[in-house]
Amino acid sequence: MGAFALDIYKGAKMANTKKLNNAIQSKGLKLEFVAKSIGISIGSMSNKMNGKTDFKLPEVQKLIKLLNLSIEEANDIFFK
C-alpha cells in the first residue's frame, strides 16, 4: 500500500464531495445507505457532503472500502 498508507494517516482535509458523490452514484448507492454503512446519521452525512464538517479517518477508510476506490481515486477525493 506504500504511499497511500502514508497519505491516509495524514487525515482527510475537505473532501472533494462532487467527486465523492459521483463515485457513490456510479455504484448505484443512495446517501442514506452510505451513511448507515459507515456508521453515521444521514444528517452527519449531509453536513459532510455540504462541506460543513470533515470526514473522520475511520469514515474515509470505510468509504474507500465500500466504494472500492482505487488508490488514485481515494487520493483524488480525500487527500488533494
N, C-alpha and C. Protein backbone atom coordinates (compact mmCIF):
# COMPACT_ATOMS: atom_id res chain seq x y z
N MET A 1 0.83 -1.18 0.00
CA MET A 1 0.00 0.00 0.00
C MET A 1 0.87 1.25 0.00
N GLY A 2 2.05 1.24 0.46
CA GLY A 2 3.06 2.27 0.33
C GLY A 2 2.62 3.70 0.55
N ALA A 3 2.71 4.51 -0.51
CA ALA A 3 2.42 5.95 -0.43
C ALA A 3 1.00 6.20 0.04
N PHE A 4 0.08 5.34 -0.37
CA PHE A 4 -1.31 5.50 0.03
C PHE A 4 -1.44 5.41 1.54
N ALA A 5 -0.76 4.47 2.15
CA ALA A 5 -0.82 4.31 3.60
C ALA A 5 -0.34 5.57 4.30
N LEU A 6 0.70 6.20 3.76
CA LEU A 6 1.19 7.45 4.35
C LEU A 6 0.16 8.55 4.20
N ASP A 7 -0.44 8.66 3.03
CA ASP A 7 -1.44 9.70 2.80
C ASP A 7 -2.63 9.55 3.73
N ILE A 8 -3.10 8.34 3.93
CA ILE A 8 -4.31 8.15 4.72
C ILE A 8 -4.09 8.53 6.18
N TYR A 9 -2.87 8.39 6.69
CA TYR A 9 -2.62 8.77 8.07
C TYR A 9 -2.48 10.27 8.26
N LYS A 10 -2.36 11.00 7.18
CA LYS A 10 -2.35 12.46 7.28
C LYS A 10 -3.76 12.96 7.60
N GLY A 11 -4.77 12.16 7.29
CA GLY A 11 -6.15 12.54 7.53
C GLY A 11 -6.72 13.28 6.34
N ALA A 12 -8.03 13.25 6.25
CA ALA A 12 -8.71 13.89 5.14
C ALA A 12 -8.98 15.33 5.47
N LYS A 13 -8.55 16.21 4.58
CA LYS A 13 -8.94 17.60 4.73
C LYS A 13 -10.33 17.67 4.13
N MET A 14 -10.71 18.76 3.57
CA MET A 14 -12.02 18.86 2.97
C MET A 14 -12.09 17.93 1.76
N ALA A 15 -12.99 16.99 1.81
CA ALA A 15 -13.15 16.03 0.72
C ALA A 15 -13.71 16.73 -0.51
N ASN A 16 -13.35 16.21 -1.67
CA ASN A 16 -13.94 16.68 -2.92
C ASN A 16 -15.29 15.98 -3.03
N THR A 17 -16.32 16.63 -2.47
CA THR A 17 -17.62 15.97 -2.36
C THR A 17 -18.29 15.78 -3.72
N LYS A 18 -17.95 16.58 -4.70
CA LYS A 18 -18.51 16.36 -6.04
C LYS A 18 -18.02 15.02 -6.58
N LYS A 19 -16.72 14.78 -6.45
CA LYS A 19 -16.16 13.51 -6.92
C LYS A 19 -16.66 12.35 -6.06
N LEU A 20 -16.80 12.57 -4.76
CA LEU A 20 -17.32 11.53 -3.89
C LEU A 20 -18.76 11.19 -4.27
N ASN A 21 -19.57 12.20 -4.51
CA ASN A 21 -20.95 11.97 -4.90
C ASN A 21 -21.01 11.22 -6.23
N ASN A 22 -20.13 11.56 -7.16
CA ASN A 22 -20.08 10.84 -8.44
C ASN A 22 -19.73 9.37 -8.23
N ALA A 23 -18.79 9.10 -7.32
CA ALA A 23 -18.39 7.72 -7.02
C ALA A 23 -19.56 6.95 -6.40
N ILE A 24 -20.28 7.61 -5.50
CA ILE A 24 -21.45 6.98 -4.87
C ILE A 24 -22.50 6.65 -5.91
N GLN A 25 -22.81 7.62 -6.76
CA GLN A 25 -23.83 7.42 -7.79
C GLN A 25 -23.41 6.36 -8.80
N SER A 26 -22.13 6.34 -9.14
CA SER A 26 -21.66 5.36 -10.14
C SER A 26 -21.81 3.93 -9.64
N LYS A 27 -21.84 3.75 -8.31
CA LYS A 27 -22.05 2.42 -7.72
C LYS A 27 -23.53 2.13 -7.52
N GLY A 28 -24.38 3.12 -7.85
CA GLY A 28 -25.82 2.94 -7.70
C GLY A 28 -26.29 2.98 -6.26
N LEU A 29 -25.54 3.67 -5.41
CA LEU A 29 -25.88 3.74 -3.99
C LEU A 29 -26.58 5.04 -3.65
N LYS A 30 -27.33 5.02 -2.58
CA LYS A 30 -28.01 6.20 -2.05
C LYS A 30 -27.23 6.70 -0.83
N LEU A 31 -27.29 8.01 -0.59
CA LEU A 31 -26.56 8.59 0.55
C LEU A 31 -26.99 7.98 1.88
N GLU A 32 -28.27 7.67 2.02
CA GLU A 32 -28.76 7.06 3.26
C GLU A 32 -28.06 5.72 3.51
N PHE A 33 -27.92 4.92 2.47
CA PHE A 33 -27.25 3.63 2.59
C PHE A 33 -25.78 3.80 2.94
N VAL A 34 -25.14 4.75 2.27
CA VAL A 34 -23.72 5.01 2.52
C VAL A 34 -23.51 5.47 3.96
N ALA A 35 -24.34 6.40 4.41
CA ALA A 35 -24.24 6.90 5.79
C ALA A 35 -24.36 5.75 6.78
N LYS A 36 -25.38 4.93 6.61
CA LYS A 36 -25.59 3.80 7.52
C LYS A 36 -24.40 2.84 7.46
N SER A 37 -23.87 2.61 6.27
CA SER A 37 -22.76 1.67 6.09
C SER A 37 -21.48 2.12 6.77
N ILE A 38 -21.30 3.44 6.88
CA ILE A 38 -20.07 3.93 7.53
C ILE A 38 -20.33 4.35 8.98
N GLY A 39 -21.56 4.14 9.45
CA GLY A 39 -21.86 4.33 10.87
C GLY A 39 -22.19 5.74 11.29
N ILE A 40 -22.74 6.54 10.36
CA ILE A 40 -23.14 7.91 10.72
C ILE A 40 -24.59 8.14 10.31
N SER A 41 -25.18 9.18 10.87
CA SER A 41 -26.56 9.52 10.53
C SER A 41 -26.60 10.21 9.16
N ILE A 42 -27.78 10.26 8.58
CA ILE A 42 -27.94 10.95 7.30
C ILE A 42 -27.67 12.45 7.48
N GLY A 43 -27.98 12.98 8.66
CA GLY A 43 -27.69 14.39 8.95
C GLY A 43 -26.19 14.67 8.95
N SER A 44 -25.44 13.76 9.58
CA SER A 44 -23.98 13.91 9.58
C SER A 44 -23.42 13.77 8.16
N MET A 45 -23.96 12.82 7.41
CA MET A 45 -23.51 12.63 6.03
C MET A 45 -23.80 13.87 5.21
N SER A 46 -24.96 14.45 5.39
CA SER A 46 -25.34 15.67 4.69
C SER A 46 -24.38 16.81 5.02
N ASN A 47 -24.06 16.96 6.32
CA ASN A 47 -23.12 18.01 6.72
C ASN A 47 -21.75 17.81 6.07
N LYS A 48 -21.30 16.58 5.99
CA LYS A 48 -20.01 16.28 5.38
C LYS A 48 -20.05 16.52 3.88
N MET A 49 -21.13 16.13 3.23
CA MET A 49 -21.25 16.32 1.79
C MET A 49 -21.43 17.79 1.41
N ASN A 50 -21.92 18.59 2.35
CA ASN A 50 -22.08 20.03 2.12
C ASN A 50 -20.89 20.85 2.62
N GLY A 51 -19.84 20.16 3.07
CA GLY A 51 -18.61 20.85 3.48
C GLY A 51 -18.68 21.51 4.84
N LYS A 52 -19.70 21.18 5.64
CA LYS A 52 -19.82 21.79 6.97
C LYS A 52 -18.92 21.11 7.98
N THR A 53 -18.69 19.82 7.80
CA THR A 53 -17.79 19.06 8.67
C THR A 53 -16.94 18.14 7.80
N ASP A 54 -15.81 17.72 8.34
CA ASP A 54 -14.90 16.83 7.62
C ASP A 54 -15.19 15.37 7.94
N PHE A 55 -14.82 14.50 7.03
CA PHE A 55 -14.88 13.07 7.29
C PHE A 55 -13.74 12.70 8.24
N LYS A 56 -14.03 11.83 9.19
CA LYS A 56 -13.01 11.31 10.09
C LYS A 56 -12.30 10.14 9.41
N LEU A 57 -11.09 9.85 9.85
CA LEU A 57 -10.29 8.82 9.23
C LEU A 57 -11.01 7.47 9.13
N PRO A 58 -11.67 6.99 10.20
CA PRO A 58 -12.37 5.70 10.07
C PRO A 58 -13.49 5.75 9.01
N GLU A 59 -14.14 6.90 8.87
CA GLU A 59 -15.18 7.05 7.85
C GLU A 59 -14.58 7.00 6.46
N VAL A 60 -13.44 7.65 6.29
CA VAL A 60 -12.75 7.64 4.99
C VAL A 60 -12.36 6.21 4.64
N GLN A 61 -11.81 5.49 5.60
CA GLN A 61 -11.41 4.11 5.35
C GLN A 61 -12.60 3.25 4.94
N LYS A 62 -13.74 3.43 5.62
CA LYS A 62 -14.94 2.67 5.28
C LYS A 62 -15.47 3.05 3.90
N LEU A 63 -15.42 4.34 3.57
CA LEU A 63 -15.87 4.78 2.25
C LEU A 63 -15.01 4.20 1.14
N ILE A 64 -13.71 4.19 1.35
CA ILE A 64 -12.79 3.63 0.35
C ILE A 64 -13.13 2.16 0.09
N LYS A 65 -13.38 1.43 1.16
CA LYS A 65 -13.71 0.01 1.03
C LYS A 65 -15.09 -0.18 0.41
N LEU A 66 -16.08 0.56 0.91
CA LEU A 66 -17.46 0.43 0.41
C LEU A 66 -17.55 0.74 -1.08
N LEU A 67 -16.86 1.79 -1.49
CA LEU A 67 -16.93 2.23 -2.89
C LEU A 67 -15.88 1.56 -3.77
N ASN A 68 -15.04 0.73 -3.15
CA ASN A 68 -13.99 0.02 -3.88
C ASN A 68 -13.14 1.00 -4.70
N LEU A 69 -12.69 2.06 -4.02
CA LEU A 69 -11.92 3.09 -4.70
C LEU A 69 -10.47 2.66 -4.89
N SER A 70 -9.92 3.01 -6.03
CA SER A 70 -8.50 2.78 -6.27
C SER A 70 -7.71 3.78 -5.42
N ILE A 71 -6.43 3.55 -5.31
CA ILE A 71 -5.56 4.47 -4.58
C ILE A 71 -5.66 5.87 -5.18
N GLU A 72 -5.64 5.94 -6.50
CA GLU A 72 -5.70 7.23 -7.18
C GLU A 72 -7.04 7.93 -6.92
N GLU A 73 -8.13 7.17 -6.99
CA GLU A 73 -9.45 7.76 -6.74
C GLU A 73 -9.56 8.27 -5.30
N ALA A 74 -9.09 7.47 -4.35
CA ALA A 74 -9.16 7.86 -2.94
C ALA A 74 -8.34 9.11 -2.68
N ASN A 75 -7.13 9.15 -3.23
CA ASN A 75 -6.29 10.34 -3.06
C ASN A 75 -6.95 11.55 -3.68
N ASP A 76 -7.54 11.38 -4.84
CA ASP A 76 -8.18 12.49 -5.55
C ASP A 76 -9.38 13.03 -4.77
N ILE A 77 -10.12 12.15 -4.15
CA ILE A 77 -11.33 12.56 -3.41
C ILE A 77 -10.98 13.11 -2.03
N PHE A 78 -10.10 12.45 -1.31
CA PHE A 78 -9.89 12.79 0.10
C PHE A 78 -8.62 13.52 0.45
N PHE A 79 -7.61 13.49 -0.39
CA PHE A 79 -6.31 13.98 0.05
C PHE A 79 -5.68 15.04 -0.84
N LYS A 80 -6.47 15.67 -1.69
CA LYS A 80 -5.92 16.74 -2.54
C LYS A 80 -6.56 18.05 -2.20
